[in-house]
């Protein structure tokens, strides 16, 4: 949406300015048959709000009462020259191979008529896609799966002129503020569902999945595949945050950021190791050892991120001339 409006900003930079990194623990709807939903980011709409606020862009959000008015609203916004972000359930998107309901997903709609919808999804899903308009209507209307937001849409109404004429200056002014806000949030105790405490909670439970899940040979590798290919685990989002810090280092020409880039990349590798262990899980093939290794990795990651965000908070406060 921002790119279409005229702001050429990388995904990693938007993720960092949007204060997107986190860890969240959401209870399984059917304990014993499903695992908790463990995500490595904040809510997607909140990420968009944070990023647009940092850039001074006007983001509009609305929820239509039904499918017909939702389609009409999108058509009207497209006719006015906007790209429209919509919340969808991936189960109803024809190009998704997943047969699971997951409603905390967004696509950008750039064309829509009575028969076809033209959208941009993630690179992993092939980027630009065309699907039946009816499929998009069902995906938008779904109230199943994780965090459904039926008929929600958002769009960038306008950009400040300076964002397009002096993009680098705007980003340089906002990067350390976003880092400080993120680091402060990640070092706070926000209860058992959010942040590093939630990660440690997940670690304490994963070691027992072989006994607590009804079909661990199916469910545990499924979690690993979901983390890797659907992006909900920590690896993808730690990779994005690493890229954000690397871009910040280039823009500031600041060598103090180099250790943070290296250390976050190491955290990302540990997440990948955890995913490898989950996808290779078989209860009869030393599965308990693998789950214990995943739990140990998550504990180590939580410790590493605690130290990293505490150090980032000190550096960000120093840049802002404020106490950490």
C-alpha atoms as a PDB file:
ATOM      1  CA  UNK A   1       0.000   0.000   0.000  1.00  0.00           C
ATOM      2  CA  UNK A   2       2.808   2.403   0.890  1.00  0.00           C
ATOM      3  CA  UNK A   3       4.754   1.515  -2.236  1.00  0.00           C
ATOM      4  CA  UNK A   4       1.700   2.184  -4.401  1.00  0.00           C
ATOM      5  CA  UNK A   5       1.231   5.529  -2.641  1.00  0.00           C
ATOM      6  CA  UNK A   6       4.782   6.523  -3.568  1.00  0.00           C
ATOM      7  CA  UNK A   7       7.016   5.490  -0.646  1.00  0.00           C
ATOM      8  CA  UNK A   8       9.796   3.081  -1.614  1.00  0.00           C
ATOM      9  CA  UNK A   9      10.579   1.509   1.772  1.00  0.00           C
ATOM     10  CA  UNK A  10      11.796  -2.044   2.365  1.00  0.00           C
ATOM     11  CA  UNK A  11       9.690  -4.645   4.160  1.00  0.00           C
ATOM     12  CA  UNK A  12      12.372  -5.002   6.828  1.00  0.00           C
ATOM     13  CA  UNK A  13      12.422  -1.253   7.490  1.00  0.00           C
ATOM     14  CA  UNK A  14       8.630  -1.183   7.785  1.00  0.00           C
ATOM     15  CA  UNK A  15       8.774  -4.151  10.158  1.00  0.00           C
ATOM     16  CA  UNK A  16      11.300  -2.357  12.363  1.00  0.00           C
ATOM     17  CA  UNK A  17       9.509   0.992  12.310  1.00  0.00           C
ATOM     18  CA  UNK A  18       6.283  -0.897  13.012  1.00  0.00           C
ATOM     19  CA  UNK A  19       7.886  -2.372  16.161  1.00  0.00           C
ATOM     20  CA  UNK A  20       6.835  -5.732  14.802  1.00  0.00           C
ATOM     21  CA  UNK A  21       9.016  -8.207  16.680  1.00  0.00           C
ATOM     22  CA  UNK A  22       7.490 -10.018  19.660  1.00  0.00           C
ATOM     23  CA  UNK A  23       6.591 -13.455  20.966  1.00  0.00           C
ATOM     24  CA  UNK A  24       2.978 -14.300  21.700  1.00  0.00           C
ATOM     25  CA  UNK A  25       1.366 -17.383  23.194  1.00  0.00           C
ATOM     26  CA  UNK A  26      -2.276 -18.122  22.364  1.00  0.00           C
ATOM     27  CA  UNK A  27      -3.967 -21.100  24.001  1.00  0.00           C
ATOM     28  CA  UNK A  28      -4.927 -24.036  21.808  1.00  0.00           C
ATOM     29  CA  UNK A  29      -8.691 -24.145  21.094  1.00  0.00           C
ATOM     30  CA  UNK A  30      -8.614 -27.920  21.581  1.00  0.00           C
ATOM     31  CA  UNK A  31      -5.867 -28.842  24.087  1.00  0.00           C
ATOM     32  CA  UNK A  32      -4.551 -32.342  23.591  1.00  0.00           C
ATOM     33  CA  UNK A  33      -5.328 -32.282  19.870  1.00  0.00           C
ATOM     34  CA  UNK A  34      -3.682 -28.982  18.935  1.00  0.00           C
ATOM     35  CA  UNK A  35      -0.727 -26.957  20.139  1.00  0.00           C
ATOM     36  CA  UNK A  36      -0.855 -23.316  21.233  1.00  0.00           C
ATOM     37  CA  UNK A  37      -0.469 -20.704  18.517  1.00  0.00           C
ATOM     38  CA  UNK A  38       3.016 -19.275  19.003  1.00  0.00           C
ATOM     39  CA  UNK A  39       3.773 -16.156  16.961  1.00  0.00           C
ATOM     40  CA  UNK A  40       6.927 -14.098  16.596  1.00  0.00           C
ATOM     41  CA  UNK A  41       5.328 -10.728  15.928  1.00  0.00           C
ATOM     42  CA  UNK A  42       2.714  -8.278  17.103  1.00  0.00           C
ATOM     43  CA  UNK A  43      -0.721  -8.179  15.470  1.00  0.00           C
ATOM     44  CA  UNK A  44      -0.477  -7.292  11.760  1.00  0.00           C
ATOM     45  CA  UNK A  45      -2.877  -4.339  11.852  1.00  0.00           C
ATOM     46  CA  UNK A  46      -0.978  -2.917  14.832  1.00  0.00           C
ATOM     47  CA  UNK A  47       2.276  -3.255  12.917  1.00  0.00           C
ATOM     48  CA  UNK A  48       0.728  -1.276  10.041  1.00  0.00           C
ATOM     49  CA  UNK A  49      -0.541   1.393  12.436  1.00  0.00           C
ATOM     50  CA  UNK A  50       2.866   1.764  14.088  1.00  0.00           C
ATOM     51  CA  UNK A  51       4.741   1.962  10.795  1.00  0.00           C
ATOM     52  CA  UNK A  52       2.364   4.514   9.276  1.00  0.00           C
ATOM     53  CA  UNK A  53       2.469   6.619  12.458  1.00  0.00           C
ATOM     54  CA  UNK A  54       6.277   6.631  12.342  1.00  0.00           C
ATOM     55  CA  UNK A  55       6.218   7.737   8.702  1.00  0.00           C
ATOM     56  CA  UNK A  56       3.463  10.306   9.141  1.00  0.00           C
ATOM     57  CA  UNK A  57       1.260   8.417   6.677  1.00  0.00           C
ATOM     58  CA  UNK A  58      -2.519   8.512   7.133  1.00  0.00           C
ATOM     59  CA  UNK A  59      -3.835   4.964   7.536  1.00  0.00           C
ATOM     60  CA  UNK A  60      -7.587   4.414   7.406  1.00  0.00           C
ATOM     61  CA  UNK A  61      -9.335   1.301   8.720  1.00  0.00           C
ATOM     62  CA  UNK A  62     -12.968   0.208   8.491  1.00  0.00           C
ATOM     63  CA  UNK A  63     -15.096  -2.891   8.920  1.00  0.00           C
ATOM     64  CA  UNK A  64     -18.064  -3.526   6.666  1.00  0.00           C
ATOM     65  CA  UNK A  65     -21.207  -5.256   8.009  1.00  0.00           C
ATOM     66  CA  UNK A  66     -21.414  -7.931   5.290  1.00  0.00           C
ATOM     67  CA  UNK A  67     -19.752  -9.342   2.184  1.00  0.00           C
ATOM     68  CA  UNK A  68     -21.683  -7.223  -0.296  1.00  0.00           C
ATOM     69  CA  UNK A  69     -20.799  -3.925   1.372  1.00  0.00           C
ATOM     70  CA  UNK A  70     -17.202  -5.108   1.919  1.00  0.00           C
ATOM     71  CA  UNK A  71     -16.799  -5.738  -1.817  1.00  0.00           C
ATOM     72  CA  UNK A  72     -18.459  -2.424  -2.634  1.00  0.00           C
ATOM     73  CA  UNK A  73     -16.125  -0.546  -0.273  1.00  0.00           C
ATOM     74  CA  UNK A  74     -13.048  -2.193  -1.817  1.00  0.00           C
ATOM     75  CA  UNK A  75     -14.285  -1.424  -5.345  1.00  0.00           C
ATOM     76  CA  UNK A  76     -14.849   2.225  -4.452  1.00  0.00           C
ATOM     77  CA  UNK A  77     -11.375   2.582  -2.914  1.00  0.00           C
ATOM     78  CA  UNK A  78      -9.741   0.902  -5.914  1.00  0.00           C
ATOM     79  CA  UNK A  79     -11.575   3.279  -8.238  1.00  0.00           C
ATOM     80  CA  UNK A  80     -10.183   6.182  -6.178  1.00  0.00           C
ATOM     81  CA  UNK A  81      -6.634   4.920  -6.845  1.00  0.00           C
ATOM     82  CA  UNK A  82      -5.878   3.084  -3.602  1.00  0.00           C
ATOM     83  CA  UNK A  83      -4.542  -0.404  -2.997  1.00  0.00           C
ATOM     84  CA  UNK A  84      -6.673  -2.027  -0.293  1.00  0.00           C
ATOM     85  CA  UNK A  85      -5.367  -4.239   2.494  1.00  0.00           C
ATOM     86  CA  UNK A  86      -7.849  -6.874   3.640  1.00  0.00           C
ATOM     87  CA  UNK A  87      -7.869  -9.440   6.435  1.00  0.00           C
ATOM     88  CA  UNK A  88      -8.436 -12.981   5.143  1.00  0.00           C
ATOM     89  CA  UNK A  89      -8.649 -16.625   6.175  1.00  0.00           C
ATOM     90  CA  UNK A  90      -6.043 -18.509   4.108  1.00  0.00           C
ATOM     91  CA  UNK A  91      -8.288 -21.607   3.972  1.00  0.00           C
ATOM     92  CA  UNK A  92     -10.389 -19.910   1.281  1.00  0.00           C
ATOM     93  CA  UNK A  93      -7.515 -18.617  -0.879  1.00  0.00           C
ATOM     94  CA  UNK A  94      -7.193 -20.897  -3.920  1.00  0.00           C
ATOM     95  CA  UNK A  95      -3.416 -20.554  -4.250  1.00  0.00           C
ATOM     96  CA  UNK A  96      -2.730 -21.650  -0.637  1.00  0.00           C
ATOM     97  CA  UNK A  97      -1.939 -25.344  -0.199  1.00  0.00           C
ATOM     98  CA  UNK A  98      -2.819 -25.212   3.515  1.00  0.00           C
ATOM     99  CA  UNK A  99      -6.157 -26.708   4.483  1.00  0.00           C
ATOM    100  CA  UNK A 100      -6.133 -25.033   7.888  1.00  0.00           C
ATOM    101  CA  UNK A 101      -8.134 -22.001   8.919  1.00  0.00           C
ATOM    102  CA  UNK A 102      -5.803 -19.094   9.712  1.00  0.00           C
ATOM    103  CA  UNK A 103      -7.465 -15.691   9.685  1.00  0.00           C
ATOM    104  CA  UNK A 104      -4.638 -13.425  10.823  1.00  0.00           C
ATOM    105  CA  UNK A 105      -3.388 -12.973   7.279  1.00  0.00           C
ATOM    106  CA  UNK A 106      -3.544  -9.926   5.018  1.00  0.00           C
ATOM    107  CA  UNK A 107      -3.362  -9.408   1.282  1.00  0.00           C
ATOM    108  CA  UNK A 108      -3.268  -6.222  -0.755  1.00  0.00           C
ATOM    109  CA  UNK A 109      -6.049  -6.007  -3.345  1.00  0.00           C
ATOM    110  CA  UNK A 110      -5.182  -4.030  -6.485  1.00  0.00           C
ATOM    111  CA  UNK A 111      -7.996  -5.147  -8.806  1.00  0.00           C
ATOM    112  CA  UNK A 112     -11.512  -6.500  -8.304  1.00  0.00           C
ATOM    113  CA  UNK A 113     -14.572  -7.182 -10.449  1.00  0.00           C
ATOM    114  CA  UNK A 114     -17.523  -9.558 -10.252  1.00  0.00           C
ATOM    115  CA  UNK A 115     -15.473 -12.578 -11.300  1.00  0.00           C
ATOM    116  CA  UNK A 116     -11.807 -12.047 -10.408  1.00  0.00           C
ATOM    117  CA  UNK A 117      -9.689 -10.522  -7.661  1.00  0.00           C
ATOM    118  CA  UNK A 118      -6.072  -9.448  -8.165  1.00  0.00           C
ATOM    119  CA  UNK A 119      -4.011  -9.439  -4.980  1.00  0.00           C
ATOM    120  CA  UNK A 120      -0.447  -9.266  -3.732  1.00  0.00           C
ATOM    121  CA  UNK A 121       0.502 -11.845  -1.112  1.00  0.00           C
ATOM    122  CA  UNK A 122       3.861 -12.746   0.407  1.00  0.00           C
ATOM    123  CA  UNK A 123       6.767 -13.754  -1.797  1.00  0.00           C
ATOM    124  CA  UNK A 124       6.425 -17.284  -0.438  1.00  0.00           C
ATOM    125  CA  UNK A 125       2.875 -17.444  -1.801  1.00  0.00           C
ATOM    126  CA  UNK A 126       3.987 -16.241  -5.207  1.00  0.00           C
ATOM    127  CA  UNK A 127       3.523 -12.487  -4.810  1.00  0.00           C
ATOM    128  CA  UNK A 128       0.884 -11.239  -7.243  1.00  0.00           C
ATOM    129  CA  UNK A 129      -2.022 -13.687  -7.566  1.00  0.00           C
ATOM    130  CA  UNK A 130      -5.374 -13.826  -9.331  1.00  0.00           C
ATOM    131  CA  UNK A 131      -8.246 -15.764  -7.769  1.00  0.00           C
ATOM    132  CA  UNK A 132     -12.044 -15.957  -8.075  1.00  0.00           C
ATOM    133  CA  UNK A 133     -13.741 -12.966  -6.480  1.00  0.00           C
ATOM    134  CA  UNK A 134     -16.013 -15.394  -4.628  1.00  0.00           C
ATOM    135  CA  UNK A 135     -12.973 -17.003  -2.970  1.00  0.00           C
ATOM    136  CA  UNK A 136     -11.814 -13.611  -1.741  1.00  0.00           C
ATOM    137  CA  UNK A 137     -15.333 -12.869  -0.449  1.00  0.00           C
ATOM    138  CA  UNK A 138     -15.331 -16.127   1.546  1.00  0.00           C
ATOM    139  CA  UNK A 139     -11.815 -15.461   2.858  1.00  0.00           C
ATOM    140  CA  UNK A 140     -12.827 -11.982   4.004  1.00  0.00           C
ATOM    141  CA  UNK A 141     -16.073 -13.143   5.613  1.00  0.00           C
ATOM    142  CA  UNK A 142     -14.592 -16.058   7.578  1.00  0.00           C
ATOM    143  CA  UNK A 143     -14.906 -16.004  11.346  1.00  0.00           C
ATOM    144  CA  UNK A 144     -12.891 -19.226  11.783  1.00  0.00           C
ATOM    145  CA  UNK A 145      -9.235 -19.735  12.619  1.00  0.00           C
ATOM    146  CA  UNK A 146      -6.778 -17.543  14.484  1.00  0.00           C
ATOM    147  CA  UNK A 147      -7.732 -13.895  15.132  1.00  0.00           C
ATOM    148  CA  UNK A 148     -10.528 -13.486  12.560  1.00  0.00           C
ATOM    149  CA  UNK A 149     -11.408  -9.941  11.479  1.00  0.00           C
ATOM    150  CA  UNK A 150     -14.298 -10.374   9.032  1.00  0.00           C
ATOM    151  CA  UNK A 151     -14.707  -7.673   6.386  1.00  0.00           C
ATOM    152  CA  UNK A 152     -11.846  -5.525   7.733  1.00  0.00           C
ATOM    153  CA  UNK A 153     -10.004  -3.312   5.270  1.00  0.00           C
ATOM    154  CA  UNK A 154      -7.360  -0.624   5.494  1.00  0.00           C
ATOM    155  CA  UNK A 155      -5.676   1.744   3.069  1.00  0.00           C
ATOM    156  CA  UNK A 156      -3.125   4.543   3.008  1.00  0.00           C
ATOM    157  CA  UNK A 157      -5.061   7.726   2.395  1.00  0.00           C
ATOM    158  CA  UNK A 158      -2.089  10.031   1.905  1.00  0.00           C
ATOM    159  CA  UNK A 159       1.616  10.443   2.530  1.00  0.00           C
ATOM    160  CA  UNK A 160       3.418  13.516   3.816  1.00  0.00           C
ATOM    161  CA  UNK A 161       5.276  15.121   0.921  1.00  0.00           C
ATOM    162  CA  UNK A 162       8.589  14.898   2.762  1.00  0.00           C
ATOM    163  CA  UNK A 163       8.337  11.104   2.912  1.00  0.00           C
ATOM    164  CA  UNK A 164       8.628  10.906  -0.873  1.00  0.00           C
ATOM    165  CA  UNK A 165      11.071  13.797  -1.383  1.00  0.00           C
ATOM    166  CA  UNK A 166      13.451  13.030   1.505  1.00  0.00           C
ATOM    167  CA  UNK A 167      12.738   9.442   2.501  1.00  0.00           C
ATOM    168  CA  UNK A 168      16.160   8.788   3.999  1.00  0.00           C
ATOM    169  CA  UNK A 169      15.915  11.729   6.397  1.00  0.00           C
ATOM    170  CA  UNK A 170      12.477  10.604   7.619  1.00  0.00           C
ATOM    171  CA  UNK A 171      13.738   7.080   8.250  1.00  0.00           C
ATOM    172  CA  UNK A 172      16.857   8.284  10.062  1.00  0.00           C
ATOM    173  CA  UNK A 173      14.702  10.387  12.375  1.00  0.00           C
ATOM    174  CA  UNK A 174      12.447   7.466  13.271  1.00  0.00           C
ATOM    175  CA  UNK A 175      14.683   4.391  13.467  1.00  0.00           C
ATOM    176  CA  UNK A 176      16.100   4.837  16.969  1.00  0.00           C
ATOM    177  CA  UNK A 177      12.722   5.852  18.369  1.00  0.00           C
ATOM    178  CA  UNK A 178      11.212   2.619  17.033  1.00  0.00           C
ATOM    179  CA  UNK A 179      14.150   0.604  18.393  1.00  0.00           C
ATOM    180  CA  UNK A 180      13.727   2.179  21.810  1.00  0.00           C
ATOM    181  CA  UNK A 181       9.983   1.497  21.922  1.00  0.00           C
ATOM    182  CA  UNK A 182      10.500  -2.088  20.811  1.00  0.00           C
ATOM    183  CA  UNK A 183      13.331  -2.781  23.248  1.00  0.00           C
ATOM    184  CA  UNK A 184      11.391  -1.266  26.119  1.00  0.00           C
ATOM    185  CA  UNK A 185       8.373  -3.451  25.370  1.00  0.00           C
ATOM    186  CA  UNK A 186      10.464  -6.606  24.955  1.00  0.00           C
ATOM    187  CA  UNK A 187      12.223  -6.123  28.295  1.00  0.00           C
ATOM    188  CA  UNK A 188       8.968  -5.607  30.223  1.00  0.00           C
ATOM    189  CA  UNK A 189       7.030  -8.375  31.964  1.00  0.00           C
ATOM    190  CA  UNK A 190       3.708  -8.427  30.097  1.00  0.00           C
ATOM    191  CA  UNK A 191       2.361 -11.601  31.629  1.00  0.00           C
ATOM    192  CA  UNK A 192       2.448 -15.224  30.477  1.00  0.00           C
ATOM    193  CA  UNK A 193       1.093 -14.597  26.969  1.00  0.00           C
ATOM    194  CA  UNK A 194       3.471 -11.950  25.648  1.00  0.00           C
ATOM    195  CA  UNK A 195       7.184 -11.401  25.245  1.00  0.00           C
ATOM    196  CA  UNK A 196      10.065 -13.371  26.652  1.00  0.00           C
ATOM    197  CA  UNK A 197       8.041 -14.751  29.540  1.00  0.00           C
ATOM    198  CA  UNK A 198       5.689 -16.311  26.989  1.00  0.00           C
ATOM    199  CA  UNK A 199       8.671 -17.823  25.173  1.00  0.00           C
ATOM    200  CA  UNK A 200       9.887 -19.415  28.400  1.00  0.00           C
ATOM    201  CA  UNK A 201       6.375 -20.687  29.066  1.00  0.00           C
ATOM    202  CA  UNK A 202       6.330 -22.322  25.634  1.00  0.00           C
ATOM    203  CA  UNK A 203       9.730 -23.885  26.327  1.00  0.00           C
ATOM    204  CA  UNK A 204       8.455 -25.413  29.551  1.00  0.00           C
ATOM    205  CA  UNK A 205       5.510 -27.030  27.751  1.00  0.00           C
ATOM    206  CA  UNK A 206       7.135 -28.208  24.514  1.00  0.00           C
ATOM    207  CA  UNK A 207       9.229 -30.838  26.295  1.00  0.00           C
ATOM    208  CA  UNK A 208       5.978 -32.599  27.280  1.00  0.00           C
ATOM    209  CA  UNK A 209       4.214 -32.519  23.909  1.00  0.00           C
ATOM    210  CA  UNK A 210       5.029 -36.176  23.277  1.00  0.00           C
ATOM    211  CA  UNK A 211       2.807 -37.093  26.230  1.00  0.00           C
ATOM    212  CA  UNK A 212       0.164 -34.342  26.179  1.00  0.00           C
ATOM    213  CA  UNK A 213      -0.769 -34.440  22.469  1.00  0.00           C
ATOM    214  CA  UNK A 214      -3.033 -37.142  21.114  1.00  0.00           C
ATOM    215  CA  UNK A 215      -1.127 -37.474  17.794  1.00  0.00           C
ATOM    216  CA  UNK A 216       2.344 -36.009  18.348  1.00  0.00           C
ATOM    217  CA  UNK A 217       3.866 -37.720  15.287  1.00  0.00           C
ATOM    218  CA  UNK A 218       1.508 -35.667  13.140  1.00  0.00           C
ATOM    219  CA  UNK A 219       1.080 -32.515  15.226  1.00  0.00           C
ATOM    220  CA  UNK A 220       4.682 -31.761  16.232  1.00  0.00           C
ATOM    221  CA  UNK A 221       6.173 -31.845  12.686  1.00  0.00           C
ATOM    222  CA  UNK A 222       3.139 -29.839  11.591  1.00  0.00           C
ATOM    223  CA  UNK A 223       4.112 -27.086  14.020  1.00  0.00           C
ATOM    224  CA  UNK A 224       7.612 -27.029  12.554  1.00  0.00           C
ATOM    225  CA  UNK A 225       6.288 -26.781   9.004  1.00  0.00           C
ATOM    226  CA  UNK A 226       3.844 -24.056  10.026  1.00  0.00           C
ATOM    227  CA  UNK A 227       6.604 -22.033  11.685  1.00  0.00           C
ATOM    228  CA  UNK A 228       8.820 -22.367   8.625  1.00  0.00           C
ATOM    229  CA  UNK A 229       6.375 -22.016   5.753  1.00  0.00           C
ATOM    230  CA  UNK A 230       3.520 -19.990   7.253  1.00  0.00           C
ATOM    231  CA  UNK A 231       5.935 -17.700   9.062  1.00  0.00           C
ATOM    232  CA  UNK A 232       4.292 -17.729  12.485  1.00  0.00           C
ATOM    233  CA  UNK A 233       7.372 -18.819  14.453  1.00  0.00           C
ATOM    234  CA  UNK A 234      10.284 -16.652  15.436  1.00  0.00           C
ATOM    235  CA  UNK A 235      12.759 -17.401  12.640  1.00  0.00           C
ATOM    236  CA  UNK A 236      11.155 -15.320   9.883  1.00  0.00           C
ATOM    237  CA  UNK A 237      10.550 -12.322  12.105  1.00  0.00           C
ATOM    238  CA  UNK A 238      14.026 -12.451  13.678  1.00  0.00           C
ATOM    239  CA  UNK A 239      15.390 -12.511  10.130  1.00  0.00           C
ATOM    240  CA  UNK A 240      13.331  -9.412   9.279  1.00  0.00           C
ATOM    241  CA  UNK A 241      14.529  -7.612  12.399  1.00  0.00           C
ATOM    242  CA  UNK A 242      18.126  -8.520  11.557  1.00  0.00           C
ATOM    243  CA  UNK A 243      17.637  -7.017   8.090  1.00  0.00           C
ATOM    244  CA  UNK A 244      16.091  -3.914   9.663  1.00  0.00           C
ATOM    245  CA  UNK A 245      19.124  -3.417  11.924  1.00  0.00           C
ATOM    246  CA  UNK A 246      21.476  -4.049   9.004  1.00  0.00           C
ATOM    247  CA  UNK A 247      19.702  -1.379   6.938  1.00  0.00           C
ATOM    248  CA  UNK A 248      19.766   0.985   9.920  1.00  0.00           C
ATOM    249  CA  UNK A 249      23.513   0.406  10.221  1.00  0.00           C
ATOM    250  CA  UNK A 250      23.957   1.332   6.543  1.00  0.00           C
ATOM    251  CA  UNK A 251      21.838   4.472   6.821  1.00  0.00           C
ATOM    252  CA  UNK A 252      23.609   5.703   9.963  1.00  0.00           C
ATOM    253  CA  UNK A 253      27.059   4.366   9.052  1.00  0.00           C
ATOM    254  CA  UNK A 254      27.152   3.351  12.710  1.00  0.00           C
ATOM    255  CA  UNK A 255      29.493   0.436  13.592  1.00  0.00           C
ATOM    256  CA  UNK A 256      27.879   0.161  17.044  1.00  0.00           C
ATOM    257  CA  UNK A 257      25.011  -1.638  15.316  1.00  0.00           C
ATOM    258  CA  UNK A 258      27.261  -4.398  13.924  1.00  0.00           C
ATOM    259  CA  UNK A 259      27.158  -6.645  17.044  1.00  0.00           C
ATOM    260  CA  UNK A 260      23.361  -6.391  17.156  1.00  0.00           C
ATOM    261  CA  UNK A 261      23.108  -7.521  13.534  1.00  0.00           C
ATOM    262  CA  UNK A 262      25.389 -10.484  14.216  1.00  0.00           C
ATOM    263  CA  UNK A 263      23.666 -11.476  17.446  1.00  0.00           C
ATOM    264  CA  UNK A 264      20.144 -11.303  16.030  1.00  0.00           C
ATOM    265  CA  UNK A 265      21.288 -13.396  13.080  1.00  0.00           C
ATOM    266  CA  UNK A 266      22.557 -15.962  15.587  1.00  0.00           C
ATOM    267  CA  UNK A 267      19.135 -15.936  17.285  1.00  0.00           C
ATOM    268  CA  UNK A 268      17.526 -16.533  13.896  1.00  0.00           C
ATOM    269  CA  UNK A 269      19.804 -19.556  13.344  1.00  0.00           C
ATOM    270  CA  UNK A 270      18.758 -20.992  16.717  1.00  0.00           C
ATOM    271  CA  UNK A 271      15.112 -20.641  15.702  1.00  0.00           C
ATOM    272  CA  UNK A 272      15.890 -22.541  12.498  1.00  0.00           C
ATOM    273  CA  UNK A 273      17.537 -25.291  14.543  1.00  0.00           C
ATOM    274  CA  UNK A 274      14.398 -25.579  16.681  1.00  0.00           C
ATOM    275  CA  UNK A 275      12.247 -25.844  13.549  1.00  0.00           C
ATOM    276  CA  UNK A 276      14.523 -28.563  12.123  1.00  0.00           C
ATOM    277  CA  UNK A 277      14.108 -30.583  15.328  1.00  0.00           C
ATOM    278  CA  UNK A 278      10.321 -30.227  15.261  1.00  0.00           C
ATOM    279  CA  UNK A 279       9.919 -31.202  11.602  1.00  0.00           C
ATOM    280  CA  UNK A 280      12.099 -34.304  12.124  1.00  0.00           C
ATOM    281  CA  UNK A 281      10.164 -35.402  15.225  1.00  0.00           C
ATOM    282  CA  UNK A 282       9.032 -39.015  15.562  1.00  0.00           C
ATOM    283  CA  UNK A 283       8.062 -40.255  19.006  1.00  0.00           C
ATOM    284  CA  UNK A 284       9.616 -43.687  18.399  1.00  0.00           C
ATOM    285  CA  UNK A 285      12.830 -42.171  17.052  1.00  0.00           C
ATOM    286  CA  UNK A 286      14.293 -40.338  20.059  1.00  0.00           C
ATOM    287  CA  UNK A 287      11.436 -37.845  19.921  1.00  0.00           C
ATOM    288  CA  UNK A 288      11.645 -36.904  23.580  1.00  0.00           C
ATOM    289  CA  UNK A 289      15.280 -35.889  23.193  1.00  0.00           C
ATOM    290  CA  UNK A 290      14.325 -33.671  20.259  1.00  0.00           C
ATOM    291  CA  UNK A 291      11.547 -31.949  22.209  1.00  0.00           C
ATOM    292  CA  UNK A 292      13.882 -31.362  25.148  1.00  0.00           C
ATOM    293  CA  UNK A 293      16.417 -29.871  22.738  1.00  0.00           C
ATOM    294  CA  UNK A 294      13.743 -27.523  21.321  1.00  0.00           C
ATOM    295  CA  UNK A 295      12.797 -26.463  24.861  1.00  0.00           C
ATOM    296  CA  UNK A 296      16.448 -25.787  25.693  1.00  0.00           C
ATOM    297  CA  UNK A 297      16.840 -23.746  22.513  1.00  0.00           C
ATOM    298  CA  UNK A 298      13.797 -21.592  23.315  1.00  0.00           C
ATOM    299  CA  UNK A 299      15.123 -20.960  26.822  1.00  0.00           C
ATOM    300  CA  UNK A 300      18.500 -19.990  25.358  1.00  0.00           C
ATOM    301  CA  UNK A 301      16.826 -17.742  22.774  1.00  0.00           C
ATOM    302  CA  UNK A 302      14.802 -16.002  25.493  1.00  0.00           C
ATOM    303  CA  UNK A 303      17.980 -15.381  27.489  1.00  0.00           C
ATOM    304  CA  UNK A 304      19.805 -14.080  24.414  1.00  0.00           C
ATOM    305  CA  UNK A 305      16.943 -11.785  23.420  1.00  0.00           C
ATOM    306  CA  UNK A 306      16.697 -10.434  26.967  1.00  0.00           C
ATOM    307  CA  UNK A 307      20.330  -9.368  26.826  1.00  0.00           C
ATOM    308  CA  UNK A 308      20.033  -8.070  23.260  1.00  0.00           C
ATOM    309  CA  UNK A 309      17.016  -5.879  23.921  1.00  0.00           C
ATOM    310  CA  UNK A 310      18.514  -4.549  27.161  1.00  0.00           C
ATOM    311  CA  UNK A 311      21.618  -3.517  25.197  1.00  0.00           C
ATOM    312  CA  UNK A 312      19.496  -2.015  22.416  1.00  0.00           C
ATOM    313  CA  UNK A 313      17.541  -0.023  24.988  1.00  0.00           C
ATOM    314  CA  UNK A 314      20.759   1.478  26.340  1.00  0.00           C
ATOM    315  CA  UNK A 315      22.018   2.354  22.842  1.00  0.00           C
ATOM    316  CA  UNK A 316      18.670   3.825  21.768  1.00  0.00           C
ATOM    317  CA  UNK A 317      18.419   5.915  24.931  1.00  0.00           C
ATOM    318  CA  UNK A 318      21.938   7.212  24.346  1.00  0.00           C
ATOM    319  CA  UNK A 319      20.988   8.277  20.799  1.00  0.00           C
ATOM    320  CA  UNK A 320      17.948  10.094  22.153  1.00  0.00           C
ATOM    321  CA  UNK A 321      19.828  11.615  25.091  1.00  0.00           C
ATOM    322  CA  UNK A 322      17.444   9.985  27.548  1.00  0.00           C
ATOM    323  CA  UNK A 323      17.983   7.647  30.524  1.00  0.00           C
ATOM    324  CA  UNK A 324      17.571   3.925  29.710  1.00  0.00           C
END
